[in-house]
Amino acid sequence: MSTRNHPPPGTTCQETPITTGRLAKTFADRSLPLQVLRSGRGYYLGTSDQDGPVSRESVEYFSQLPDAQHALDTGNWTQREAP
């Protein structure tokens, strides 16, 4: 696993936005693209497949879709340590 694309848990990545789900790869052995997803708590960064959500990667929940998309685009979000 490359540390360039995956910041240490509990930190944000400002230089190179993450493009695939770290938790999806670690815990489900799946290489899936990060995307903005929605739950009852709000928008979050995570992964999904044809069957639905696979991982919630971001610590943060965002109340607005544009805020979540901006976090994904800029890498300004916090990686969760565990599912």
Protein backbone atom coordinates (compact mmCIF):
# COMPACT_ATOMS: atom_id res chain seq x y z
CA MET A 1 0.00 0.00 0.00
CA SER A 2 1.42 3.36 -1.00
CA THR A 3 1.63 6.02 1.68
CA ARG A 4 1.64 8.67 -1.03
CA ASN A 5 -2.02 8.05 -1.76
CA HIS A 6 -3.05 7.07 1.76
CA PRO A 7 -2.28 9.41 4.66
CA PRO A 8 -1.75 7.97 8.11
CA PRO A 9 -5.05 7.27 9.89
CA GLY A 10 -6.57 10.30 11.58
CA THR A 11 -4.82 12.82 9.32
CA THR A 12 -5.84 14.80 6.29
CA CYS A 13 -4.26 14.63 2.88
CA GLN A 14 -3.71 18.06 1.34
CA GLU A 15 -1.11 17.37 -1.36
CA THR A 16 -2.43 14.35 -3.29
CA PRO A 17 -6.12 13.57 -3.01
CA ILE A 18 -6.85 9.92 -2.32
CA THR A 19 -8.66 8.20 -5.16
CA THR A 20 -9.38 4.72 -3.78
CA GLY A 21 -10.76 3.47 -0.49
CA ARG A 22 -8.11 2.46 2.02
CA LEU A 23 -10.54 0.65 4.33
CA ALA A 24 -12.21 -1.10 1.40
CA LYS A 25 -8.80 -2.43 0.36
CA THR A 26 -7.63 -3.34 3.88
CA PHE A 27 -10.79 -4.96 5.20
CA ALA A 28 -12.62 -6.15 2.07
CA ASP A 29 -9.67 -6.61 -0.31
CA ARG A 30 -11.46 -4.39 -2.82
CA SER A 31 -9.92 -1.58 -4.86
CA LEU A 32 -12.83 0.80 -5.28
CA PRO A 33 -12.90 4.50 -6.19
CA LEU A 34 -13.72 7.03 -3.53
CA GLN A 35 -16.97 8.86 -4.04
CA VAL A 36 -19.46 10.99 -2.19
CA LEU A 37 -22.15 8.83 -0.61
CA ARG A 38 -25.19 9.70 1.49
CA SER A 39 -26.61 8.22 4.67
CA GLY A 40 -29.10 9.34 7.26
CA ARG A 41 -26.31 11.29 8.97
CA GLY A 42 -25.33 13.23 5.86
CA TYR A 43 -22.81 12.97 3.06
CA TYR A 44 -19.53 11.15 3.52
CA LEU A 45 -16.59 9.87 1.49
CA GLY A 46 -16.60 6.18 0.92
CA THR A 47 -16.79 3.35 -1.57
CA SER A 48 -19.60 1.31 -3.04
CA ASP A 49 -20.23 -1.38 -5.60
CA GLN A 50 -23.31 -2.66 -7.42
CA ASP A 51 -24.65 -4.07 -4.14
CA GLY A 52 -24.35 -0.82 -2.17
CA PRO A 53 -21.90 0.83 0.23
CA VAL A 54 -18.66 -1.03 1.03
CA SER A 55 -16.78 1.41 3.26
CA ARG A 56 -17.08 4.79 4.95
CA GLU A 57 -13.61 6.26 4.58
CA SER A 58 -14.07 9.76 6.00
CA VAL A 59 -14.40 10.59 9.67
CA GLU A 60 -16.47 13.59 8.68
CA TYR A 61 -20.08 13.74 7.67
CA PHE A 62 -20.99 16.76 5.56
CA SER A 63 -24.40 18.39 5.65
CA GLN A 64 -24.18 19.62 2.06
CA LEU A 65 -23.23 17.73 -1.11
CA PRO A 66 -20.96 20.52 -2.40
CA ASP A 67 -18.94 20.43 0.84
CA ALA A 68 -18.40 16.69 0.55
CA GLN A 69 -17.46 16.98 -3.13
CA HIS A 70 -14.99 19.77 -2.31
CA ALA A 71 -13.38 17.61 0.39
CA LEU A 72 -13.04 14.73 -2.07
CA ASP A 73 -11.65 16.98 -4.81
CA THR A 74 -9.09 18.70 -2.57
CA GLY A 75 -8.16 15.86 -0.23
CA ASN A 76 -9.17 17.98 2.76
CA TRP A 77 -10.75 15.24 4.88
CA THR A 78 -9.75 12.77 7.60
CA GLN A 79 -9.20 9.07 6.89
CA ARG A 80 -10.94 6.68 9.30
CA GLU A 81 -8.71 4.11 11.00
CA ALA A 82 -11.17 1.22 11.03
CA PRO A 83 -14.63 0.39 9.70
